[in-house]
PDB file of N, CA and C in Angstrom:
ATOM      1  N   MET A   1     -95.793  36.789  14.351  1.00  0.00           N
ATOM      2  CA  MET A   1     -95.915  37.198  12.965  1.00  0.00           C
ATOM      3  C   MET A   1     -96.244  35.951  12.138  1.00  0.00           C
ATOM      4  N   SER A   2     -97.221  36.061  11.259  1.00  0.00           N
ATOM      5  CA  SER A   2     -97.626  34.918  10.445  1.00  0.00           C
ATOM      6  C   SER A   2     -96.627  34.703   9.301  1.00  0.00           C
ATOM      7  N   TYR A   3     -96.755  33.556   8.672  1.00  0.00           N
ATOM      8  CA  TYR A   3     -95.830  33.193   7.597  1.00  0.00           C
ATOM      9  C   TYR A   3     -95.872  34.182   6.428  1.00  0.00           C
ATOM     10  N   PRO A   4     -97.059  34.574   5.922  1.00  0.00           N
ATOM     11  CA  PRO A   4     -97.069  35.558   4.829  1.00  0.00           C
ATOM     12  C   PRO A   4     -96.419  36.890   5.205  1.00  0.00           C
ATOM     13  N   GLU A   5     -96.582  37.299   6.440  1.00  0.00           N
ATOM     14  CA  GLU A   5     -95.935  38.536   6.872  1.00  0.00           C
ATOM     15  C   GLU A   5     -94.420  38.390   6.893  1.00  0.00           C
ATOM     16  N   LYS A   6     -93.933  37.231   7.284  1.00  0.00           N
ATOM     17  CA  LYS A   6     -92.490  36.990   7.274  1.00  0.00           C
ATOM     18  C   LYS A   6     -91.945  37.013   5.855  1.00  0.00           C
ATOM     19  N   VAL A   7     -92.665  36.377   4.926  1.00  0.00           N
ATOM     20  CA  VAL A   7     -92.232  36.359   3.527  1.00  0.00           C
ATOM     21  C   VAL A   7     -92.232  37.767   2.955  1.00  0.00           C
ATOM     22  N   LEU A   8     -93.287  38.529   3.216  1.00  0.00           N
ATOM     23  CA  LEU A   8     -93.379  39.887   2.712  1.00  0.00           C
ATOM     24  C   LEU A   8     -92.291  40.781   3.295  1.00  0.00           C
ATOM     25  N   SER A   9     -91.991  40.611   4.555  1.00  0.00           N
ATOM     26  CA  SER A   9     -90.941  41.430   5.155  1.00  0.00           C
ATOM     27  C   SER A   9     -89.580  41.090   4.553  1.00  0.00           C
ATOM     28  N   ARG A  10     -89.367  39.836   4.182  1.00  0.00           N
ATOM     29  CA  ARG A  10     -88.101  39.435   3.562  1.00  0.00           C
ATOM     30  C   ARG A  10     -88.012  39.960   2.130  1.00  0.00           C
ATOM     31  N   ILE A  11     -89.124  39.939   1.403  1.00  0.00           N
ATOM     32  CA  ILE A  11     -89.123  40.419   0.024  1.00  0.00           C
ATOM     33  C   ILE A  11     -88.899  41.928  -0.026  1.00  0.00           C
ATOM     34  N   LEU A  12     -89.438  42.650   0.947  1.00  0.00           N
ATOM     35  CA  LEU A  12     -89.316  44.098   0.960  1.00  0.00           C
ATOM     36  C   LEU A  12     -87.975  44.575   1.513  1.00  0.00           C
ATOM     37  N   ASP A  13     -87.098  43.670   1.840  1.00  0.00           N
ATOM     38  CA  ASP A  13     -85.773  44.024   2.319  1.00  0.00           C
ATOM     39  C   ASP A  13     -85.005  44.736   1.191  1.00  0.00           C
ATOM     40  N   PRO A  14     -84.301  45.834   1.488  1.00  0.00           N
ATOM     41  CA  PRO A  14     -83.574  46.554   0.435  1.00  0.00           C
ATOM     42  C   PRO A  14     -82.514  45.708  -0.268  1.00  0.00           C
ATOM     43  N   GLY A  15     -81.954  44.733   0.426  1.00  0.00           N
ATOM     44  CA  GLY A  15     -80.947  43.873  -0.197  1.00  0.00           C
ATOM     45  C   GLY A  15     -81.507  43.082  -1.359  1.00  0.00           C
ATOM     46  N   ILE A  16     -82.713  42.547  -1.190  1.00  0.00           N
ATOM     47  CA  ILE A  16     -83.356  41.791  -2.265  1.00  0.00           C
ATOM     48  C   ILE A  16     -83.622  42.702  -3.458  1.00  0.00           C
ATOM     49  N   ALA A  17     -84.085  43.910  -3.189  1.00  0.00           N
ATOM     50  CA  ALA A  17     -84.373  44.850  -4.270  1.00  0.00           C
ATOM     51  C   ALA A  17     -83.100  45.208  -5.044  1.00  0.00           C
ATOM     52  N   LEU A  18     -82.002  45.424  -4.326  1.00  0.00           N
ATOM     53  CA  LEU A  18     -80.748  45.755  -5.005  1.00  0.00           C
ATOM     54  C   LEU A  18     -80.224  44.586  -5.817  1.00  0.00           C
ATOM     55  N   ILE A  19     -80.353  43.378  -5.312  1.00  0.00           N
ATOM     56  CA  ILE A  19     -79.939  42.213  -6.083  1.00  0.00           C
ATOM     57  C   ILE A  19     -80.769  42.096  -7.357  1.00  0.00           C
ATOM     58  N   ALA A  20     -82.064  42.325  -7.245  1.00  0.00           N
ATOM     59  CA  ALA A  20     -82.939  42.239  -8.419  1.00  0.00           C
ATOM     60  C   ALA A  20     -82.597  43.327  -9.448  1.00  0.00           C
ATOM     61  N   VAL A  21     -82.368  44.545  -8.989  1.00  0.00           N
ATOM     62  CA  VAL A  21     -82.023  45.635  -9.905  1.00  0.00           C
ATOM     63  C   VAL A  21     -80.696  45.351 -10.596  1.00  0.00           C
ATOM     64  N   GLY A  22     -79.723  44.860  -9.856  1.00  0.00           N
ATOM     65  CA  GLY A  22     -78.432  44.528 -10.457  1.00  0.00           C
ATOM     66  C   GLY A  22     -78.547  43.418 -11.479  1.00  0.00           C
ATOM     67  N   ALA A  23     -79.342  42.396 -11.184  1.00  0.00           N
ATOM     68  CA  ALA A  23     -79.521  41.289 -12.121  1.00  0.00           C
ATOM     69  C   ALA A  23     -80.229  41.756 -13.390  1.00  0.00           C
ATOM     70  N   VAL A  24     -81.226  42.612 -13.239  1.00  0.00           N
ATOM     71  CA  VAL A  24     -81.943  43.125 -14.415  1.00  0.00           C
ATOM     72  C   VAL A  24     -81.018  43.990 -15.269  1.00  0.00           C
ATOM     73  N   ALA A  25     -80.178  44.791 -14.647  1.00  0.00           N
ATOM     74  CA  ALA A  25     -79.243  45.636 -15.394  1.00  0.00           C
ATOM     75  C   ALA A  25     -78.273  44.778 -16.201  1.00  0.00           C
ATOM     76  N   VAL A  26     -77.765  43.716 -15.595  1.00  0.00           N
ATOM     77  CA  VAL A  26     -76.846  42.835 -16.313  1.00  0.00           C
ATOM     78  C   VAL A  26     -77.573  42.121 -17.450  1.00  0.00           C
ATOM     79  N   PHE A  27     -78.778  41.646 -17.174  1.00  0.00           N
ATOM     80  CA  PHE A  27     -79.530  40.887 -18.161  1.00  0.00           C
ATOM     81  C   PHE A  27     -79.958  41.752 -19.349  1.00  0.00           C
ATOM     82  N   LEU A  28     -80.334  43.005 -19.108  1.00  0.00           N
ATOM     83  CA  LEU A  28     -80.847  43.874 -20.165  1.00  0.00           C
ATOM     84  C   LEU A  28     -79.811  44.860 -20.704  1.00  0.00           C
ATOM     85  N   SER A  29     -78.549  44.652 -20.429  1.00  0.00           N
ATOM     86  CA  SER A  29     -77.531  45.612 -20.856  1.00  0.00           C
ATOM     87  C   SER A  29     -77.464  45.732 -22.378  1.00  0.00           C
ATOM     88  N   GLU A  30     -77.688  44.651 -23.102  1.00  0.00           N
ATOM     89  CA  GLU A  30     -77.686  44.729 -24.568  1.00  0.00           C
ATOM     90  C   GLU A  30     -78.825  45.610 -25.068  1.00  0.00           C
ATOM     91  N   ARG A  31     -80.000  45.463 -24.490  1.00  0.00           N
ATOM     92  CA  ARG A  31     -81.139  46.273 -24.920  1.00  0.00           C
ATOM     93  C   ARG A  31     -80.964  47.732 -24.531  1.00  0.00           C
ATOM     94  N   ILE A  32     -80.341  47.976 -23.396  1.00  0.00           N
ATOM     95  CA  ILE A  32     -80.134  49.348 -22.938  1.00  0.00           C
ATOM     96  C   ILE A  32     -79.185  50.079 -23.888  1.00  0.00           C
ATOM     97  N   THR A  33     -78.178  49.386 -24.395  1.00  0.00           N
ATOM     98  CA  THR A  33     -77.160  50.023 -25.247  1.00  0.00           C
ATOM     99  C   THR A  33     -77.468  49.897 -26.733  1.00  0.00           C
ATOM    100  N   ARG A  34     -78.621  49.413 -27.084  1.00  0.00           N
ATOM    101  CA  ARG A  34     -78.956  49.199 -28.498  1.00  0.00           C
ATOM    102  C   ARG A  34     -78.944  50.494 -29.305  1.00  0.00           C
ATOM    103  N   GLY A  35     -79.254  51.616 -28.705  1.00  0.00           N
ATOM    104  CA  GLY A  35     -79.339  52.878 -29.435  1.00  0.00           C
ATOM    105  C   GLY A  35     -78.003  53.517 -29.771  1.00  0.00           C
ATOM    106  N   ILE A  36     -76.922  52.996 -29.273  1.00  0.00           N
ATOM    107  CA  ILE A  36     -75.601  53.567 -29.552  1.00  0.00           C
ATOM    108  C   ILE A  36     -75.123  53.045 -30.907  1.00  0.00           C
ATOM    109  N   ALA A  37     -74.807  53.954 -31.814  1.00  0.00           N
ATOM    110  CA  ALA A  37     -74.479  53.572 -33.181  1.00  0.00           C
ATOM    111  C   ALA A  37     -73.079  52.953 -33.303  1.00  0.00           C
ATOM    112  N   ASP A  38     -72.108  53.540 -32.651  1.00  0.00           N
ATOM    113  CA  ASP A  38     -70.726  53.067 -32.772  1.00  0.00           C
ATOM    114  C   ASP A  38     -70.546  51.769 -31.987  1.00  0.00           C
ATOM    115  N   GLU A  39     -70.031  50.750 -32.659  1.00  0.00           N
ATOM    116  CA  GLU A  39     -69.893  49.426 -32.044  1.00  0.00           C
ATOM    117  C   GLU A  39     -68.911  49.440 -30.862  1.00  0.00           C
ATOM    118  N   LYS A  40     -67.836  50.206 -30.988  1.00  0.00           N
ATOM    119  CA  LYS A  40     -66.847  50.276 -29.905  1.00  0.00           C
ATOM    120  C   LYS A  40     -67.455  50.923 -28.660  1.00  0.00           C
ATOM    121  N   HIS A  41     -68.177  52.014 -28.852  1.00  0.00           N
ATOM    122  CA  HIS A  41     -68.810  52.687 -27.720  1.00  0.00           C
ATOM    123  C   HIS A  41     -69.917  51.826 -27.126  1.00  0.00           C
ATOM    124  N   ARG A  42     -70.629  51.081 -27.971  1.00  0.00           N
ATOM    125  CA  ARG A  42     -71.687  50.205 -27.480  1.00  0.00           C
ATOM    126  C   ARG A  42     -71.105  49.106 -26.593  1.00  0.00           C
ATOM    127  N   ALA A  43     -69.985  48.534 -27.013  1.00  0.00           N
ATOM    128  CA  ALA A  43     -69.354  47.480 -26.211  1.00  0.00           C
ATOM    129  C   ALA A  43     -68.846  48.033 -24.884  1.00  0.00           C
ATOM    130  N   THR A  44     -68.297  49.238 -24.908  1.00  0.00           N
ATOM    131  CA  THR A  44     -67.808  49.856 -23.683  1.00  0.00           C
ATOM    132  C   THR A  44     -68.962  50.162 -22.727  1.00  0.00           C
ATOM    133  N   ALA A  45     -70.045  50.713 -23.264  1.00  0.00           N
ATOM    134  CA  ALA A  45     -71.205  51.019 -22.427  1.00  0.00           C
ATOM    135  C   ALA A  45     -71.835  49.739 -21.884  1.00  0.00           C
ATOM    136  N   ASN A  46     -71.878  48.693 -22.705  1.00  0.00           N
ATOM    137  CA  ASN A  46     -72.428  47.408 -22.276  1.00  0.00           C
ATOM    138  C   ASN A  46     -71.618  46.848 -21.103  1.00  0.00           C
ATOM    139  N   THR A  47     -70.311  46.904 -21.211  1.00  0.00           N
ATOM    140  CA  THR A  47     -69.448  46.422 -20.131  1.00  0.00           C
ATOM    141  C   THR A  47     -69.610  47.269 -18.877  1.00  0.00           C
ATOM    142  N   ALA A  48     -69.736  48.575 -19.040  1.00  0.00           N
ATOM    143  CA  ALA A  48     -69.912  49.460 -17.882  1.00  0.00           C
ATOM    144  C   ALA A  48     -71.237  49.183 -17.170  1.00  0.00           C
ATOM    145  N   ILE A  49     -72.298  48.950 -17.934  1.00  0.00           N
ATOM    146  CA  ILE A  49     -73.595  48.651 -17.326  1.00  0.00           C
ATOM    147  C   ILE A  49     -73.548  47.314 -16.599  1.00  0.00           C
ATOM    148  N   LYS A  50     -72.889  46.330 -17.186  1.00  0.00           N
ATOM    149  CA  LYS A  50     -72.774  45.027 -16.522  1.00  0.00           C
ATOM    150  C   LYS A  50     -71.958  45.143 -15.235  1.00  0.00           C
ATOM    151  N   ALA A  51     -70.894  45.939 -15.260  1.00  0.00           N
ATOM    152  CA  ALA A  51     -70.085  46.126 -14.059  1.00  0.00           C
ATOM    153  C   ALA A  51     -70.875  46.858 -12.976  1.00  0.00           C
ATOM    154  N   ALA A  52     -71.633  47.864 -13.365  1.00  0.00           N
ATOM    155  CA  ALA A  52     -72.449  48.593 -12.392  1.00  0.00           C
ATOM    156  C   ALA A  52     -73.530  47.691 -11.808  1.00  0.00           C
ATOM    157  N   GLY A  53     -74.139  46.851 -12.633  1.00  0.00           N
ATOM    158  CA  GLY A  53     -75.135  45.897 -12.144  1.00  0.00           C
ATOM    159  C   GLY A  53     -74.536  44.908 -11.168  1.00  0.00           C
ATOM    160  N   LEU A  54     -73.317  44.470 -11.451  1.00  0.00           N
ATOM    161  CA  LEU A  54     -72.631  43.555 -10.540  1.00  0.00           C
ATOM    162  C   LEU A  54     -72.362  44.216  -9.198  1.00  0.00           C
ATOM    163  N   VAL A  55     -71.906  45.457  -9.228  1.00  0.00           N
ATOM    164  CA  VAL A  55     -71.628  46.183  -7.986  1.00  0.00           C
ATOM    165  C   VAL A  55     -72.908  46.373  -7.170  1.00  0.00           C
ATOM    166  N   VAL A  56     -73.994  46.729  -7.842  1.00  0.00           N
ATOM    167  CA  VAL A  56     -75.267  46.913  -7.141  1.00  0.00           C
ATOM    168  C   VAL A  56     -75.732  45.600  -6.527  1.00  0.00           C
ATOM    169  N   ALA A  57     -75.596  44.501  -7.264  1.00  0.00           N
ATOM    170  CA  ALA A  57     -76.003  43.197  -6.733  1.00  0.00           C
ATOM    171  C   ALA A  57     -75.136  42.784  -5.544  1.00  0.00           C
ATOM    172  N   ILE A  58     -73.862  43.071  -5.591  1.00  0.00           N
ATOM    173  CA  ILE A  58     -72.970  42.737  -4.470  1.00  0.00           C
ATOM    174  C   ILE A  58     -73.340  43.568  -3.240  1.00  0.00           C
ATOM    175  N   ILE A  59     -73.624  44.855  -3.444  1.00  0.00           N
ATOM    176  CA  ILE A  59     -74.054  45.688  -2.316  1.00  0.00           C
ATOM    177  C   ILE A  59     -75.344  45.141  -1.718  1.00  0.00           C
ATOM    178  N   GLY A  60     -76.274  44.710  -2.564  1.00  0.00           N
ATOM    179  CA  GLY A  60     -77.502  44.125  -2.089  1.00  0.00           C
ATOM    180  C   GLY A  60     -77.268  42.850  -1.292  1.00  0.00           C
ATOM    181  N   ALA A  61     -76.321  42.022  -1.758  1.00  0.00           N
ATOM    182  CA  ALA A  61     -76.007  40.787  -1.040  1.00  0.00           C
ATOM    183  C   ALA A  61     -75.383  41.093   0.322  1.00  0.00           C
ATOM    184  N   VAL A  62     -74.519  42.092   0.370  1.00  0.00           N
ATOM    185  CA  VAL A  62     -73.912  42.462   1.651  1.00  0.00           C
ATOM    186  C   VAL A  62     -74.981  42.973   2.614  1.00  0.00           C
ATOM    187  N   LEU A  63     -75.898  43.795   2.105  1.00  0.00           N
ATOM    188  CA  LEU A  63     -76.987  44.281   2.960  1.00  0.00           C
ATOM    189  C   LEU A  63     -77.883  43.153   3.429  1.00  0.00           C
ATOM    190  N   LEU A  64     -78.084  42.192   2.573  1.00  0.00           N
ATOM    191  CA  LEU A  64     -78.972  41.079   2.904  1.00  0.00           C
ATOM    192  C   LEU A  64     -78.375  40.175   3.985  1.00  0.00           C
ATOM    193  N   PHE A  65     -77.086  39.956   3.919  1.00  0.00           N
ATOM    194  CA  PHE A  65     -76.460  39.002   4.826  1.00  0.00           C
ATOM    195  C   PHE A  65     -75.810  39.630   6.045  1.00  0.00           C
ATOM    196  N   THR A  66     -76.035  40.925   6.271  1.00  0.00           N
ATOM    197  CA  THR A  66     -75.503  41.546   7.489  1.00  0.00           C
ATOM    198  C   THR A  66     -76.615  41.792   8.481  1.00  0.00           C
TER     199      THR A  66
END
């Protein structure tokens, strides 16, 4: 297998995709919750999205390293 094929096979691994999705969810959680009018509910939703992103990224890391 050539080097580009090895890189592509590593990038297409589901673990990498889950880590990327989790990181994007954590990074964009403020923008995702911008439409919520109540500040208390916005903070709760923001924290929930960040926690879900963390869980997804951890699952991706476990898949990647097993």
